[in-house]
């Protein structure tokens, strides 16, 4: 049985323009420039740069609406040409002043051209006398080297791939033989299948004086004890003194665990961080500026206004002309909205960052991370009367240039914790103190998480051992056993 009924409910839906604005706010400077370039290419009614004249609007037009004959081919009642031609109301974007810095020194970001890492290795293979099969295998192995310099594949898988993709039928023994040739290439350690093999290759290529010989022996025959820092076992196993072990470990620490990363011409595009804001201290006060690349000069095309003028002046309007004016209207609407959206984006970015700057004023004046106040997204959202998601979009992908270096904005946010005096302190402050305590510990007997928790409690920060472990992991600091030094 079918039933009909009415249901009333309130729902909030974002318009396509609001969604696009949110996406624009989220973009950092470089991505925004790409989006701007795309919009200029796709919308011919939108133009960049300054206009040739101050006013594109024609004074000959009045504000009256033309009504067209009902006998015309299509209904053009929704096309109000005067909306686009009238000079009675000048749109905001025409009077907007751009006081942002030009940042001329950062207009372009050139990349150096060079030989790829793979080609660099293949070029070295040309100096070896190899059979056709060996060369095919060698080039395949080199092609399997990742950007860290390792071959992270089983030889059996490589053997199968050679058969299926290169029509080269071989054995694992022959692949091992060719792999030993690859291990002779520079940088030393390239082509290794694991860290132990990588370090061993590098040590075997060094002059075997006593320290290097001992280091080689440790890596080849006691790698597990070395990685776990079981120094007493190493002293007993090799019957050596602490000084000898210390010198051998020093040789190992000088090796490169990622040989691929040492090749400068590996043609990986480095991600350059372009600060979206800059904070300077001028006469003891903070001064905030938005990167000028976020405030481009944009205007509506003069040609498109002239097209509308021609359409209005024409008495006989054909179907093709009406189709054209519908297209023009659509593009002008998109151009004017985009200009307005960019203005809103600038305002949102500036207001949000200004609020963050004043909230963390003590930090920006001193650079002392211990003076970072507890701050969550809602604190800033409430202050600027915007949604938490908007603040999140600004904080997650934007950088600010400060007197203490370029920082990711979301790094200024942290949860709060109550110290023994009942004061709200930032977890960033506790992490900084934890880092300092670990730096100053006796490396022969590193402090356990329980000992660290006790020290922090004595300093006025009563936190549990598991919380110390969480903060330590967030700071990328290993456990006590792995911080031990001889």
Protein backbone atom coordinates (compact mmCIF):
# COMPACT_ATOMS: atom_id res chain seq x y z
CA UNK A 1 0.00 0.00 0.00
CA UNK A 2 1.40 3.38 -1.05
CA UNK A 3 1.19 6.37 1.25
CA UNK A 4 1.90 10.03 0.64
CA UNK A 5 3.02 12.39 3.36
CA UNK A 6 4.85 15.69 3.77
CA UNK A 7 8.02 15.95 5.81
CA UNK A 8 9.63 19.23 6.81
CA UNK A 9 13.29 19.32 7.71
CA UNK A 10 16.10 21.85 7.84
CA UNK A 11 19.21 21.02 5.88
CA UNK A 12 22.27 23.02 4.98
CA UNK A 13 23.81 22.46 1.58
CA UNK A 14 26.91 24.13 0.21
CA UNK A 15 26.56 25.78 -3.18
CA UNK A 16 29.09 24.90 -5.92
CA UNK A 17 30.64 28.35 -5.40
CA UNK A 18 31.11 27.73 -1.66
CA UNK A 19 32.71 24.36 -2.35
CA UNK A 20 35.09 25.94 -4.87
CA UNK A 21 35.96 28.69 -2.36
CA UNK A 22 36.81 26.07 0.28
CA UNK A 23 39.07 24.34 -2.25
CA UNK A 24 40.80 27.65 -3.07
CA UNK A 25 41.41 28.37 0.63
CA UNK A 26 43.03 24.97 1.07
CA UNK A 27 45.58 25.54 -1.72
CA UNK A 28 49.08 26.70 -0.77
CA UNK A 29 50.73 29.44 -2.84
CA UNK A 30 52.28 27.28 -5.59
CA UNK A 31 49.15 25.16 -6.08
CA UNK A 32 47.04 28.34 -6.09
CA UNK A 33 49.15 29.76 -8.92
CA UNK A 34 48.53 26.59 -10.94
CA UNK A 35 44.77 26.85 -10.26
CA UNK A 36 44.83 30.51 -11.31
CA UNK A 37 46.66 29.66 -14.53
CA UNK A 38 44.09 26.94 -15.27
CA UNK A 39 41.17 29.35 -14.74
CA UNK A 40 42.76 31.99 -17.01
CA UNK A 41 43.18 29.36 -19.73
CA UNK A 42 39.63 28.01 -19.42
CA UNK A 43 37.74 31.30 -19.08
CA UNK A 44 38.43 33.84 -21.87
CA UNK A 45 36.34 36.45 -20.00
CA UNK A 46 38.95 36.53 -17.22
CA UNK A 47 42.24 38.34 -17.78
CA UNK A 48 45.34 38.82 -15.67
CA UNK A 49 47.46 41.94 -15.25
CA UNK A 50 46.40 45.57 -14.98
CA UNK A 51 43.71 47.03 -17.25
CA UNK A 52 44.79 49.53 -19.87
CA UNK A 53 42.16 52.06 -18.81
CA UNK A 54 40.64 52.79 -15.44
CA UNK A 55 37.03 52.30 -16.59
CA UNK A 56 35.74 49.78 -19.09
CA UNK A 57 32.12 50.80 -18.69
CA UNK A 58 30.59 52.96 -21.41
CA UNK A 59 28.99 56.21 -20.23
CA UNK A 60 26.53 56.14 -23.14
CA UNK A 61 24.50 53.34 -21.55
CA UNK A 62 21.70 54.09 -19.14
CA UNK A 63 20.32 51.76 -16.50
CA UNK A 64 17.10 50.87 -18.31
CA UNK A 65 16.23 47.26 -19.06
CA UNK A 66 15.51 46.50 -22.69
CA UNK A 67 12.48 44.30 -23.22
CA UNK A 68 12.65 42.23 -26.38
CA UNK A 69 9.77 41.30 -28.66
CA UNK A 70 7.94 38.09 -27.77
CA UNK A 71 8.17 37.04 -31.42
CA UNK A 72 11.94 36.57 -31.16
CA UNK A 73 13.31 33.08 -31.67
CA UNK A 74 14.29 32.41 -28.00
CA UNK A 75 13.31 33.83 -24.64
CA UNK A 76 16.00 36.26 -23.52
CA UNK A 77 14.19 37.68 -20.49
CA UNK A 78 16.88 36.32 -18.19
CA UNK A 79 19.65 38.10 -20.08
CA UNK A 80 19.96 41.51 -18.43
CA UNK A 81 22.80 43.02 -20.43
CA UNK A 82 22.79 46.17 -18.29
CA UNK A 83 24.00 44.16 -15.30
CA UNK A 84 27.30 43.78 -17.10
CA UNK A 85 27.49 47.21 -18.83
CA UNK A 86 26.11 49.69 -16.30
CA UNK A 87 28.54 52.08 -14.63
CA UNK A 88 26.10 52.97 -11.86
CA UNK A 89 27.65 50.45 -9.48
CA UNK A 90 31.33 49.66 -9.81
CA UNK A 91 32.05 46.10 -8.62
CA UNK A 92 34.31 45.61 -5.59
CA UNK A 93 37.11 44.00 -7.55
CA UNK A 94 37.48 47.17 -9.65
CA UNK A 95 38.26 49.35 -6.61
CA UNK A 96 40.30 46.79 -4.68
CA UNK A 97 43.81 47.97 -3.81
CA UNK A 98 46.62 45.45 -3.91
CA UNK A 99 49.11 46.34 -1.19
CA UNK A 100 50.80 42.95 -1.06
CA UNK A 101 54.51 42.60 -1.66
CA UNK A 102 55.52 41.56 -5.18
CA UNK A 103 58.07 38.95 -4.04
CA UNK A 104 59.96 39.48 -7.30
CA UNK A 105 62.84 37.31 -6.17
CA UNK A 106 60.57 34.24 -6.10
CA UNK A 107 58.74 34.60 -9.40
CA UNK A 108 60.31 31.50 -10.91
CA UNK A 109 61.54 28.24 -9.49
CA UNK A 110 64.10 26.79 -11.93
CA UNK A 111 65.09 23.14 -11.80
CA UNK A 112 68.51 21.89 -12.75
CA UNK A 113 68.62 19.40 -15.57
CA UNK A 114 70.84 16.34 -15.24
CA UNK A 115 71.31 12.65 -15.82
CA UNK A 116 68.87 10.39 -14.02
CA UNK A 117 70.20 8.07 -11.32
CA UNK A 118 69.42 4.99 -13.44
CA UNK A 119 71.21 6.43 -16.50
CA UNK A 120 74.17 7.37 -14.30
CA UNK A 121 74.51 3.70 -13.26
CA UNK A 122 74.05 2.41 -16.84
CA UNK A 123 76.78 4.77 -18.05
CA UNK A 124 79.15 3.13 -15.55
CA UNK A 125 78.24 -0.33 -16.88
CA UNK A 126 79.69 0.73 -20.25
CA UNK A 127 83.16 0.54 -18.70
CA UNK A 128 82.77 -3.22 -18.02
CA UNK A 129 83.28 -6.02 -20.52
CA UNK A 130 79.99 -7.93 -20.45
CA UNK A 131 78.29 -10.49 -22.70
CA UNK A 132 74.91 -9.61 -24.21
CA UNK A 133 73.05 -11.65 -21.60
CA UNK A 134 75.09 -10.18 -18.76
CA UNK A 135 74.45 -6.66 -20.01
CA UNK A 136 70.69 -7.32 -20.22
CA UNK A 137 70.74 -8.68 -16.66
CA UNK A 138 72.90 -5.82 -15.40
CA UNK A 139 70.65 -3.17 -16.96
CA UNK A 140 67.57 -4.90 -15.52
CA UNK A 141 69.17 -4.96 -12.06
CA UNK A 142 70.09 -1.29 -12.34
CA UNK A 143 66.51 -0.55 -13.39
CA UNK A 144 65.31 -2.30 -10.23
CA UNK A 145 67.36 -0.02 -7.95
CA UNK A 146 65.04 2.28 -5.97
CA UNK A 147 65.76 5.91 -5.13
CA UNK A 148 67.47 4.91 -1.86
CA UNK A 149 69.92 2.75 -3.84
CA UNK A 150 68.51 -0.68 -2.89
CA UNK A 151 67.21 -3.66 -4.91
CA UNK A 152 64.30 -4.75 -2.74
CA UNK A 153 63.30 -7.82 -4.76
CA UNK A 154 64.02 -11.52 -4.52
CA UNK A 155 66.44 -12.89 -7.13
CA UNK A 156 63.87 -15.54 -8.08
CA UNK A 157 61.36 -12.78 -8.95
CA UNK A 158 64.00 -10.97 -11.00
CA UNK A 159 64.81 -14.22 -12.82
CA UNK A 160 61.11 -14.70 -13.72
CA UNK A 161 60.73 -11.09 -14.88
CA UNK A 162 63.82 -11.39 -17.09
CA UNK A 163 62.26 -14.42 -18.79
CA UNK A 164 58.81 -12.90 -19.27
CA UNK A 165 59.68 -9.28 -20.09
CA UNK A 166 63.19 -9.43 -21.59
CA UNK A 167 63.12 -12.96 -23.04
CA UNK A 168 66.36 -13.65 -21.12
CA UNK A 169 66.47 -17.14 -19.58
CA UNK A 170 69.07 -17.35 -16.84
CA UNK A 171 69.75 -18.72 -13.36
CA UNK A 172 69.96 -17.20 -9.90
CA UNK A 173 73.70 -17.96 -9.81
CA UNK A 174 74.30 -15.95 -12.96
CA UNK A 175 72.20 -13.06 -11.58
CA UNK A 176 74.30 -13.14 -8.37
CA UNK A 177 77.47 -12.95 -10.49
CA UNK A 178 76.19 -9.89 -12.36
CA UNK A 179 74.91 -8.37 -9.10
CA UNK A 180 78.48 -8.43 -7.77
CA UNK A 181 79.42 -6.23 -10.75
CA UNK A 182 76.57 -3.83 -9.93
CA UNK A 183 77.92 -3.66 -6.36
CA UNK A 184 81.14 -2.21 -7.81
CA UNK A 185 79.33 0.83 -9.20
CA UNK A 186 79.27 4.23 -7.53
CA UNK A 187 77.98 5.40 -5.13
CA UNK A 188 79.34 2.65 -2.89
CA UNK A 189 76.62 0.37 -1.53
CA UNK A 190 74.29 0.74 -4.51
CA UNK A 191 72.39 -2.41 -5.50
CA UNK A 192 72.39 -3.85 -1.96
CA UNK A 193 69.38 -5.96 -0.98
CA UNK A 194 69.35 -4.91 2.68
CA UNK A 195 71.09 -2.58 5.12
CA UNK A 196 73.66 -5.17 6.23
CA UNK A 197 74.77 -5.81 2.65
CA UNK A 198 74.85 -2.07 1.92
CA UNK A 199 77.17 -1.33 4.87
CA UNK A 200 79.30 -4.38 4.13
CA UNK A 201 79.87 -3.33 0.49
CA UNK A 202 81.00 0.12 1.62
CA UNK A 203 83.37 -1.25 4.28
CA UNK A 204 84.96 -3.83 1.90
CA UNK A 205 85.81 -1.00 -0.50
CA UNK A 206 87.71 0.91 2.18
CA UNK A 207 91.37 0.42 3.02
CA UNK A 208 91.37 -2.37 5.59
CA UNK A 209 93.21 -0.73 8.50
CA UNK A 210 92.40 -2.17 12.00
CA UNK A 211 89.32 -0.03 12.71
CA UNK A 212 87.76 -0.75 9.29
CA UNK A 213 88.64 -4.45 9.50
CA UNK A 214 86.92 -4.72 12.89
CA UNK A 215 83.91 -2.76 11.62
CA UNK A 216 83.66 -5.10 8.61
CA UNK A 217 83.84 -8.13 10.90
CA UNK A 218 81.09 -6.74 13.12
CA UNK A 219 78.74 -6.02 10.20
CA UNK A 220 79.41 -9.35 8.47
CA UNK A 221 79.32 -11.60 11.55
CA UNK A 222 77.53 -9.79 14.38
CA UNK A 223 75.03 -7.47 12.70
CA UNK A 224 72.15 -8.45 14.99
CA UNK A 225 74.11 -7.69 18.18
CA UNK A 226 75.30 -4.41 16.65
CA UNK A 227 71.80 -3.18 15.73
CA UNK A 228 70.52 -4.09 19.21
CA UNK A 229 73.53 -2.35 20.77
CA UNK A 230 74.58 -5.38 22.79
CA UNK A 231 78.06 -3.92 23.29
CA UNK A 232 79.08 -6.34 26.06
CA UNK A 233 78.45 -9.29 23.75
CA UNK A 234 80.52 -7.64 21.01
CA UNK A 235 83.41 -7.02 23.43
CA UNK A 236 83.39 -10.70 24.43
CA UNK A 237 82.87 -12.07 20.91
CA UNK A 238 85.80 -10.21 19.33
CA UNK A 239 87.94 -9.95 22.48
CA UNK A 240 88.51 -6.22 22.07
CA UNK A 241 88.66 -3.13 24.29
CA UNK A 242 85.95 -0.49 24.59
CA UNK A 243 88.19 1.99 22.75
CA UNK A 244 88.61 -0.41 19.79
CA UNK A 245 84.86 -1.00 19.65
CA UNK A 246 84.20 2.74 19.83
CA UNK A 247 86.56 3.39 16.88
CA UNK A 248 84.95 0.60 14.83
CA UNK A 249 81.45 1.96 15.52
CA UNK A 250 82.68 5.40 14.48
CA UNK A 251 83.71 3.92 11.10
CA UNK A 252 80.25 2.36 10.68
CA UNK A 253 78.49 5.62 11.58
CA UNK A 254 80.38 7.37 8.77
CA UNK A 255 78.78 5.06 6.15
CA UNK A 256 75.78 6.03 4.05
CA UNK A 257 72.71 3.84 4.72
CA UNK A 258 70.95 5.31 1.64
CA UNK A 259 73.55 5.51 -1.15
CA UNK A 260 70.96 6.52 -3.76
CA UNK A 261 70.20 9.70 -1.86
CA UNK A 262 73.80 10.89 -2.25
CA UNK A 263 73.52 11.22 -6.03
CA UNK A 264 72.90 14.92 -6.63
CA UNK A 265 71.73 14.52 -10.23
CA UNK A 266 69.02 11.94 -9.64
CA UNK A 267 66.50 14.36 -11.19
CA UNK A 268 63.97 14.05 -8.42
CA UNK A 269 62.00 17.29 -8.33
CA UNK A 270 62.57 18.81 -4.94
CA UNK A 271 59.44 20.24 -3.37
CA UNK A 272 60.22 23.87 -2.68
CA UNK A 273 58.31 25.40 0.22
CA UNK A 274 57.00 28.85 -0.65
CA UNK A 275 55.87 30.69 2.51
CA UNK A 276 52.27 31.91 2.24
CA UNK A 277 52.81 34.51 4.97
CA UNK A 278 55.72 36.43 6.46
CA UNK A 279 55.98 37.67 10.05
CA UNK A 280 58.55 40.34 10.91
CA UNK A 281 59.33 42.16 14.13
CA UNK A 282 59.27 45.92 13.51
CA UNK A 283 60.00 48.21 16.48
CA UNK A 284 59.08 45.45 18.89
CA UNK A 285 55.73 44.75 17.21
CA UNK A 286 54.71 41.88 14.94
CA UNK A 287 53.97 42.66 11.30
CA UNK A 288 52.11 40.15 9.10
CA UNK A 289 52.11 40.13 5.30
CA UNK A 290 50.50 37.77 2.80
CA UNK A 291 52.70 36.54 -0.05
CA UNK A 292 51.94 38.78 -3.04
CA UNK A 293 51.57 35.74 -5.27
CA UNK A 294 48.24 35.10 -3.52
CA UNK A 295 46.89 38.49 -4.66
CA UNK A 296 47.03 38.52 -8.49
CA UNK A 297 45.77 41.40 -10.66
CA UNK A 298 42.59 40.17 -12.38
CA UNK A 299 39.84 41.87 -14.37
CA UNK A 300 36.98 41.08 -16.70
CA UNK A 301 37.84 41.07 -20.41
CA UNK A 302 37.17 44.35 -22.26
CA UNK A 303 36.37 42.39 -25.42
CA UNK A 304 33.56 40.55 -23.70
CA UNK A 305 32.02 43.84 -22.52
CA UNK A 306 32.24 45.12 -26.10
CA UNK A 307 30.46 41.98 -27.33
CA UNK A 308 27.57 42.69 -24.96
CA UNK A 309 27.50 46.31 -26.11
CA UNK A 310 27.25 45.15 -29.72
CA UNK A 311 24.45 42.76 -28.83
CA UNK A 312 22.50 45.53 -27.06
CA UNK A 313 22.89 47.95 -29.98
CA UNK A 314 21.72 45.41 -32.56
CA UNK A 315 18.00 45.71 -33.33
CA UNK A 316 17.59 42.43 -35.18
CA UNK A 317 18.90 39.65 -32.93
CA UNK A 318 19.52 36.28 -34.53
CA UNK A 319 19.45 32.93 -32.75
CA UNK A 320 23.24 32.61 -33.07
CA UNK A 321 23.70 36.04 -31.44
CA UNK A 322 21.43 35.02 -28.56
CA UNK A 323 23.37 31.75 -28.13
CA UNK A 324 26.60 33.76 -28.08
CA UNK A 325 25.32 36.19 -25.44
CA UNK A 326 24.23 33.28 -23.24
CA UNK A 327 27.81 31.95 -23.45
CA UNK A 328 29.22 35.41 -22.71
CA UNK A 329 26.91 35.79 -19.71
CA UNK A 330 28.03 32.44 -18.32
CA UNK A 331 31.73 33.29 -18.70
CA UNK A 332 31.30 36.76 -17.20
CA UNK A 333 29.47 35.30 -14.20
CA UNK A 334 32.31 32.79 -13.71
CA UNK A 335 34.98 35.49 -14.09
CA UNK A 336 33.33 37.87 -11.61
CA UNK A 337 32.76 35.05 -9.12
CA UNK A 338 36.39 33.90 -9.39
CA UNK A 339 37.68 37.45 -8.77
CA UNK A 340 35.41 37.72 -5.74
CA UNK A 341 36.45 34.25 -4.50
CA UNK A 342 40.12 35.22 -4.64
CA UNK A 343 39.36 38.35 -2.64
CA UNK A 344 37.52 36.24 -0.03
CA UNK A 345 40.43 33.78 0.01
CA UNK A 346 42.92 36.59 0.71
CA UNK A 347 40.74 37.95 3.49
CA UNK A 348 40.21 34.51 5.07
CA UNK A 349 43.92 33.65 4.97
CA UNK A 350 44.96 37.01 6.43
CA UNK A 351 42.33 37.08 9.20
CA UNK A 352 43.10 33.49 10.25
CA UNK A 353 46.89 33.95 10.31
CA UNK A 354 46.57 37.30 12.08
CA UNK A 355 44.53 35.64 14.82
CA UNK A 356 47.10 32.83 15.20
CA UNK A 357 49.94 35.39 15.31
CA UNK A 358 48.33 37.39 18.10
CA UNK A 359 47.35 34.24 20.01
CA UNK A 360 50.99 33.08 19.96
CA UNK A 361 52.48 36.58 20.27
CA UNK A 362 55.01 35.59 22.96
CA UNK A 363 56.43 32.84 20.77
CA UNK A 364 56.73 35.01 17.64
CA UNK A 365 58.50 37.74 19.61
CA UNK A 366 61.02 35.38 21.25
CA UNK A 367 61.20 32.18 19.17
CA UNK A 368 61.10 30.14 22.39
CA UNK A 369 58.93 27.07 21.75
CA UNK A 370 58.29 26.78 25.48
CA UNK A 371 56.19 29.95 25.17
CA UNK A 372 53.78 28.36 22.70
CA UNK A 373 50.33 28.53 24.32
CA UNK A 374 47.91 25.61 24.11
CA UNK A 375 45.82 26.30 21.00
CA UNK A 376 43.27 24.20 19.17
CA UNK A 377 41.42 24.92 15.93
CA UNK A 378 38.25 25.88 17.82
CA UNK A 379 40.10 28.66 19.69
CA UNK A 380 40.90 30.44 16.43
CA UNK A 381 37.56 29.56 14.79
CA UNK A 382 35.65 31.16 17.70
CA UNK A 383 37.81 34.27 17.63
CA UNK A 384 37.39 34.95 13.89
CA UNK A 385 33.80 33.59 13.83
CA UNK A 386 34.48 31.05 11.13
CA UNK A 387 34.03 27.30 10.90
CA UNK A 388 36.65 24.96 12.38
CA UNK A 389 37.04 23.29 8.96
CA UNK A 390 38.02 26.64 7.40
CA UNK A 391 40.76 27.18 10.00
CA UNK A 392 41.91 23.60 9.43
CA UNK A 393 42.20 24.22 5.67
CA UNK A 394 44.40 27.25 6.30
CA UNK A 395 46.57 25.55 8.93
CA UNK A 396 47.19 22.19 7.27
CA UNK A 397 48.85 23.31 4.05
CA UNK A 398 50.25 26.80 4.62
CA UNK A 399 53.69 27.97 5.72
CA UNK A 400 54.78 31.16 7.43
CA UNK A 401 58.22 32.75 7.21
CA UNK A 402 59.24 33.82 10.72
CA UNK A 403 62.48 35.27 12.12
CA UNK A 404 63.16 31.71 13.37
CA UNK A 405 62.68 29.89 10.07
CA UNK A 406 59.82 28.78 7.83
CA UNK A 407 57.17 26.91 9.84
CA UNK A 408 54.08 24.87 8.96
CA UNK A 409 51.16 26.70 10.56
CA UNK A 410 49.59 23.57 12.05
CA UNK A 411 52.74 23.18 14.18
CA UNK A 412 51.55 26.10 16.32
CA UNK A 413 48.49 24.11 17.40
CA UNK A 414 48.76 21.82 20.40
CA UNK A 415 46.61 20.39 23.14
CA UNK A 416 46.79 21.63 26.70
CA UNK A 417 47.82 19.96 29.91
CA UNK A 418 47.66 21.09 33.53
CA UNK A 419 50.97 21.34 35.41
CA UNK A 420 51.42 20.92 39.17
CA UNK A 421 50.52 24.60 39.70
CA UNK A 422 47.18 24.16 37.96
CA UNK A 423 48.28 26.19 34.92
CA UNK A 424 47.36 25.20 31.36
CA UNK A 425 50.54 24.46 29.39
CA UNK A 426 51.08 23.34 25.81
CA UNK A 427 52.11 19.76 25.07
CA UNK A 428 54.71 21.32 22.76
CA UNK A 429 56.35 22.84 25.84
CA UNK A 430 56.53 19.41 27.51
CA UNK A 431 57.98 17.82 24.34
CA UNK A 432 60.68 20.52 24.18
CA UNK A 433 61.67 19.86 27.80
CA UNK A 434 61.62 16.10 27.16
CA UNK A 435 63.91 16.59 24.15
CA UNK A 436 66.32 18.70 26.21
CA UNK A 437 66.45 16.10 29.03
CA UNK A 438 67.26 13.31 26.54
CA UNK A 439 69.98 15.42 24.87
CA UNK A 440 71.66 15.98 28.23
CA UNK A 441 71.43 12.34 29.48
CA UNK A 442 74.43 10.08 29.97
CA UNK A 443 74.53 8.13 26.69
CA UNK A 444 76.28 5.21 28.39
CA UNK A 445 73.19 4.80 30.56
CA UNK A 446 70.24 6.38 28.71
CA UNK A 447 67.13 7.23 30.70
CA UNK A 448 64.17 4.87 30.46
CA UNK A 449 60.66 6.23 29.87
CA UNK A 450 59.89 5.67 33.54
CA UNK A 451 62.96 7.68 34.57
CA UNK A 452 62.00 10.44 32.10
CA UNK A 453 58.46 10.57 33.54
CA UNK A 454 59.96 10.97 37.03
CA UNK A 455 62.23 13.85 35.91
CA UNK A 456 59.31 15.62 34.18
CA UNK A 457 57.23 15.23 37.33
CA UNK A 458 60.04 16.86 39.35
CA UNK A 459 60.01 19.75 36.83
CA UNK A 460 56.28 20.25 37.44
CA UNK A 461 54.76 18.16 34.64
CA UNK A 462 53.00 15.11 36.13
CA UNK A 463 52.57 12.81 33.12
CA UNK A 464 52.41 9.02 32.89
CA UNK A 465 55.15 6.77 31.47
CA UNK A 466 52.98 5.82 28.48
CA UNK A 467 52.49 9.53 27.70
CA UNK A 468 56.26 10.01 27.77
CA UNK A 469 56.59 7.08 25.34
CA UNK A 470 53.99 8.68 23.03
CA UNK A 471 55.74 12.07 23.03
CA UNK A 472 59.15 10.42 22.52
CA UNK A 473 57.84 8.55 19.47
CA UNK A 474 56.32 11.75 18.08
CA UNK A 475 59.77 13.35 18.39
CA UNK A 476 61.32 10.37 16.51
CA UNK A 477 63.54 9.54 19.51
CA UNK A 478 64.31 5.81 19.92
CA UNK A 479 63.97 3.83 23.15
CA UNK A 480 66.73 3.99 25.79
CA UNK A 481 68.47 0.82 24.60
CA UNK A 482 68.93 2.21 21.08
CA UNK A 483 70.22 5.56 22.38
CA UNK A 484 73.08 3.82 24.18
CA UNK A 485 76.63 4.74 23.15
CA UNK A 486 79.90 3.11 24.09
